[in-house]
Amino acid sequence: MLRIGMSNSGEKNDRYMDYMTKLPDVKIKVIGEGTESLLESCDGLLLTGGGDVAPELYGDWPDETAHVDSARDGSEFKLIDLATKQRMPILGICRGLQVLNVYFGGTLVLDLEKYYGRKHEALSKNEDRYHGVRLSEGSHLKDFIRQETGEVNSAHHQAADRIGSGLRVAARAEDGTVEAIEGNDDLPSRIVSVQWHPERIQFDNPFSRGVLDLFGSCLSNYHDTEKYAHGG
């Protein structure tokens, strides 16, 4: 059985859990502030969507567009610490991509529409926006999605700006916005993160299934080899 630690996204937890359980033989542990040590018995970490990462963490200052949750920032930084120390795979979705980029020393665009005139927010509470993306040549994500271009859903107002140390861009939107990042092969943990919401796309769509297939491959490899090689 594969055990996945998942950061707590409150009322949206069920969507992420339904998505993760499309992998065979998995168990999900929801982990929140104060229970980060539960991750130590897991095979991988899922960082879910949610509010904004505090701008102070990447050397910026807040404006009226930022809606931060500093307690969650601290908890997720602890989870990334634990995951990288144990060399376990990490999947980031939406906010998850952003907190990973900041953790590794990158920065974010505070508000895409305000500062760049780019519209990436959802059309309404119940309807995502959609736009085209192009996957980066040589990325692991492209190997699993098996397409060069396609459409993804969009429900965010921030995005990765300067890319963190050890990370690389795996996909961009038509307007140049970073849509996916992944870890270089020399990082201790395999990292894949997407700005779109694969858990809200039909699972037979390669931009949903391909993301999970890549993470599942990383999990299986870790469970079978890395975890026990490093005392897991």
Protein backbone atom coordinates (compact mmCIF):
# COMPACT_ATOMS: atom_id res chain seq x y z
CA MET A 1 0.00 0.00 0.00
CA LEU A 2 1.16 3.52 -0.81
CA ARG A 3 0.58 6.18 1.83
CA ILE A 4 0.21 9.80 0.72
CA GLY A 5 0.31 12.75 3.11
CA MET A 6 -1.96 15.56 1.91
CA SER A 7 -1.92 19.15 3.13
CA ASN A 8 -5.28 20.22 4.52
CA SER A 9 -7.40 22.28 2.10
CA GLY A 10 -10.54 22.19 4.24
CA GLU A 11 -13.82 21.70 2.39
CA LYS A 12 -11.98 20.86 -0.85
CA ASN A 13 -10.20 17.81 0.61
CA ASP A 14 -12.66 15.33 -0.91
CA ARG A 15 -11.83 16.34 -4.49
CA TYR A 16 -8.12 15.76 -3.95
CA MET A 17 -8.73 12.48 -2.14
CA ASP A 18 -10.98 11.22 -4.94
CA TYR A 19 -8.25 12.08 -7.44
CA MET A 20 -5.47 10.42 -5.45
CA THR A 21 -7.45 7.23 -4.91
CA LYS A 22 -7.50 6.67 -8.67
CA LEU A 23 -4.02 5.29 -7.99
CA PRO A 24 -4.22 1.62 -6.99
CA ASP A 25 -3.91 0.64 -3.32
CA VAL A 26 -3.37 4.04 -1.70
CA LYS A 27 -4.23 5.51 1.67
CA ILE A 28 -4.50 9.27 2.22
CA LYS A 29 -3.54 11.06 5.43
CA VAL A 30 -4.78 14.65 5.71
CA ILE A 31 -2.12 16.64 7.54
CA GLY A 32 -2.62 20.06 9.07
CA GLU A 33 -0.83 22.44 11.41
CA GLY A 34 0.70 20.56 14.35
CA THR A 35 0.46 17.08 12.82
CA GLU A 36 3.28 17.35 10.25
CA SER A 37 5.14 14.38 11.78
CA LEU A 38 2.46 12.07 10.31
CA LEU A 39 4.27 12.49 7.00
CA GLU A 40 7.22 10.45 8.28
CA SER A 41 5.33 7.20 7.66
CA CYS A 42 4.23 8.19 4.14
CA ASP A 43 5.57 7.51 0.65
CA GLY A 44 4.74 10.90 -0.85
CA LEU A 45 3.38 14.39 -0.26
CA LEU A 46 0.51 16.17 -2.01
CA LEU A 47 0.40 19.96 -1.57
CA THR A 48 -3.13 21.10 -2.37
CA GLY A 49 -4.68 24.34 -3.59
CA GLY A 50 -5.81 27.25 -1.45
CA GLY A 51 -5.01 30.85 -0.56
CA ASP A 52 -1.91 32.91 -1.26
CA VAL A 53 1.59 32.36 0.08
CA ALA A 54 2.70 35.30 2.25
CA PRO A 55 4.67 37.73 0.01
CA GLU A 56 7.17 38.34 2.82
CA LEU A 57 8.46 34.79 2.31
CA TYR A 58 9.81 35.71 -1.12
CA GLY A 59 10.90 39.29 -0.44
CA ASP A 60 7.78 41.08 -1.70
CA TRP A 61 5.16 43.11 0.14
CA PRO A 62 1.39 42.47 0.26
CA ASP A 63 -1.20 44.54 -1.57
CA GLU A 64 -4.99 44.40 -1.67
CA THR A 65 -4.92 41.35 -3.96
CA ALA A 66 -3.13 39.04 -1.48
CA HIS A 67 -5.15 36.74 0.79
CA VAL A 68 -2.61 34.88 2.89
CA ASP A 69 -2.70 32.07 5.44
CA SER A 70 0.60 32.31 7.30
CA ALA A 71 -0.13 29.32 9.55
CA ARG A 72 -0.60 27.14 6.48
CA ASP A 73 2.62 28.50 4.95
CA GLY A 74 4.55 27.43 8.04
CA SER A 75 2.94 23.99 8.12
CA GLU A 76 3.60 23.32 4.44
CA PHE A 77 7.21 24.48 4.71
CA LYS A 78 7.64 21.89 7.50
CA LEU A 79 6.08 19.22 5.27
CA ILE A 80 8.44 20.05 2.39
CA ASP A 81 11.35 19.93 4.85
CA LEU A 82 10.35 16.44 5.98
CA ALA A 83 9.66 15.20 2.46
CA THR A 84 12.99 16.35 1.05
CA LYS A 85 14.92 14.95 4.02
CA GLN A 86 13.29 11.57 3.35
CA ARG A 87 13.70 11.99 -0.43
CA MET A 88 10.00 11.32 -1.01
CA PRO A 89 8.12 12.50 -4.12
CA ILE A 90 6.07 15.70 -3.95
CA LEU A 91 3.09 16.72 -6.08
CA GLY A 92 1.97 20.36 -5.95
CA ILE A 93 -1.37 21.57 -7.31
CA CYS A 94 -2.11 25.31 -7.81
CA ARG A 95 -1.06 26.85 -4.46
CA GLY A 96 1.08 23.72 -4.05
CA LEU A 97 3.18 24.78 -7.04
CA GLN A 98 3.55 28.26 -5.61
CA VAL A 99 4.60 27.21 -2.12
CA LEU A 100 7.15 24.79 -3.59
CA ASN A 101 8.63 27.53 -5.77
CA VAL A 102 8.89 29.87 -2.79
CA TYR A 103 10.38 27.17 -0.55
CA PHE A 104 13.19 26.66 -3.06
CA GLY A 105 13.93 30.38 -3.23
CA GLY A 106 11.70 31.45 -6.10
CA THR A 107 9.23 34.31 -6.29
CA LEU A 108 5.60 34.80 -7.33
CA VAL A 109 3.63 37.30 -9.38
CA LEU A 110 1.34 38.92 -6.81
CA ASP A 111 -1.56 39.31 -9.24
CA LEU A 112 -1.47 38.35 -12.91
CA GLU A 113 -4.26 40.65 -14.04
CA LYS A 114 -3.15 43.69 -12.05
CA TYR A 115 0.53 43.55 -13.02
CA TYR A 116 0.49 41.81 -16.43
CA GLY A 117 -3.09 42.07 -17.70
CA ARG A 118 -3.42 38.28 -17.83
CA LYS A 119 -6.74 36.68 -16.87
CA HIS A 120 -6.31 33.30 -15.16
CA GLU A 121 -8.95 33.42 -12.42
CA ALA A 122 -12.02 31.17 -12.53
CA LEU A 123 -15.03 32.51 -14.43
CA SER A 124 -17.20 31.93 -11.35
CA LYS A 125 -17.20 29.94 -8.12
CA ASN A 126 -18.37 26.87 -10.03
CA GLU A 127 -16.76 27.38 -13.44
CA ASP A 128 -13.05 27.36 -14.22
CA ARG A 129 -11.47 29.31 -17.05
CA TYR A 130 -9.68 27.27 -19.76
CA HIS A 131 -6.61 28.16 -21.83
CA GLY A 132 -3.90 26.54 -23.89
CA VAL A 133 -0.55 25.30 -22.59
CA ARG A 134 2.67 24.07 -24.15
CA LEU A 135 4.78 21.44 -22.39
CA SER A 136 8.54 21.90 -22.21
CA GLU A 137 10.73 19.68 -24.35
CA GLY A 138 12.57 17.13 -22.20
CA SER A 139 10.25 17.47 -19.19
CA HIS A 140 9.07 14.39 -17.30
CA LEU A 141 5.55 15.81 -17.45
CA LYS A 142 5.57 15.78 -21.25
CA ASP A 143 6.73 12.15 -21.19
CA PHE A 144 3.60 11.17 -19.25
CA ILE A 145 1.03 13.53 -20.80
CA ARG A 146 2.34 12.57 -24.25
CA GLN A 147 1.22 15.78 -25.89
CA GLU A 148 3.09 18.94 -26.77
CA THR A 149 0.08 21.25 -26.36
CA GLY A 150 -3.42 21.14 -24.94
CA GLU A 151 -5.98 22.93 -22.78
CA VAL A 152 -6.13 23.10 -18.99
CA ASN A 153 -8.44 24.67 -16.45
CA SER A 154 -7.44 27.85 -14.64
CA ALA A 155 -8.54 29.25 -11.27
CA HIS A 156 -5.63 31.30 -9.93
CA HIS A 157 -4.50 34.92 -9.78
CA GLN A 158 -0.85 34.33 -8.85
CA ALA A 159 1.89 32.34 -10.57
CA ALA A 160 5.56 31.43 -10.33
CA ASP A 161 7.86 34.25 -11.40
CA ARG A 162 11.57 33.60 -10.76
CA ILE A 163 11.98 29.83 -10.59
CA GLY A 164 13.45 28.36 -7.40
CA SER A 165 16.80 26.64 -7.16
CA GLY A 166 16.76 23.07 -8.48
CA LEU A 167 13.45 23.55 -10.30
CA ARG A 168 12.68 23.99 -14.00
CA VAL A 169 9.64 25.06 -16.02
CA ALA A 170 7.69 22.09 -17.40
CA ALA A 171 4.84 24.00 -19.09
CA ARG A 172 3.74 27.54 -19.93
CA ALA A 173 0.40 29.07 -20.91
CA GLU A 174 -0.03 30.78 -24.27
CA ASP A 175 0.64 34.14 -22.59
CA GLY A 176 3.92 32.92 -21.07
CA THR A 177 2.62 32.27 -17.54
CA VAL A 178 4.35 29.34 -15.81
CA GLU A 179 1.88 26.43 -15.67
CA ALA A 180 4.06 23.59 -14.38
CA ILE A 181 7.43 23.15 -12.70
CA GLU A 182 9.37 20.05 -11.78
CA GLY A 183 12.55 19.23 -9.95
CA ASN A 184 15.88 18.79 -11.67
CA ASP A 185 17.07 15.20 -11.50
CA ASP A 186 19.75 16.06 -8.94
CA LEU A 187 17.21 17.11 -6.26
CA PRO A 188 16.78 14.50 -3.49
CA SER A 189 13.00 14.40 -4.06
CA ARG A 190 11.15 13.94 -7.34
CA ILE A 191 8.97 17.04 -7.65
CA VAL A 192 6.12 17.66 -10.09
CA SER A 193 3.73 20.57 -9.74
CA VAL A 194 1.03 22.07 -11.92
CA GLN A 195 -0.82 25.36 -11.77
CA TRP A 196 -4.00 23.82 -13.17
CA HIS A 197 -6.38 21.56 -11.22
CA PRO A 198 -6.13 18.00 -12.58
CA GLU A 199 -8.58 16.82 -9.93
CA ARG A 200 -11.26 19.00 -11.60
CA ILE A 201 -10.65 17.75 -15.16
CA GLN A 202 -12.18 14.57 -16.60
CA PHE A 203 -9.76 11.82 -15.62
CA ASP A 204 -9.46 10.44 -19.16
CA ASN A 205 -7.98 13.81 -20.18
CA PRO A 206 -4.18 13.42 -20.40
CA PHE A 207 -3.72 16.65 -18.43
CA SER A 208 -5.41 14.93 -15.50
CA ARG A 209 -4.35 11.30 -15.91
CA GLY A 210 -0.80 12.13 -17.03
CA VAL A 211 -0.09 14.18 -13.90
CA LEU A 212 -1.25 11.37 -11.63
CA ASP A 213 0.56 8.71 -13.66
CA LEU A 214 3.83 10.63 -13.26
CA PHE A 215 3.33 11.04 -9.51
CA GLY A 216 2.32 7.39 -9.21
CA SER A 217 5.50 6.33 -10.99
CA CYS A 218 7.56 8.43 -8.57
CA LEU A 219 5.70 6.96 -5.58
CA SER A 220 6.20 3.37 -6.69
CA ASN A 221 9.90 3.90 -7.31
CA TYR A 222 10.32 5.56 -3.90
CA HIS A 223 8.35 2.87 -2.08
CA ASP A 224 10.27 0.04 -3.74
CA THR A 225 13.79 1.49 -3.56
CA GLU A 226 14.53 4.92 -2.14
CA LYS A 227 12.49 4.63 1.06
CA TYR A 228 14.30 1.55 2.27
CA ALA A 229 17.68 2.59 0.94
CA HIS A 230 17.50 5.62 3.21
CA GLY A 231 16.13 3.98 6.32
CA GLY A 232 12.41 4.56 5.70
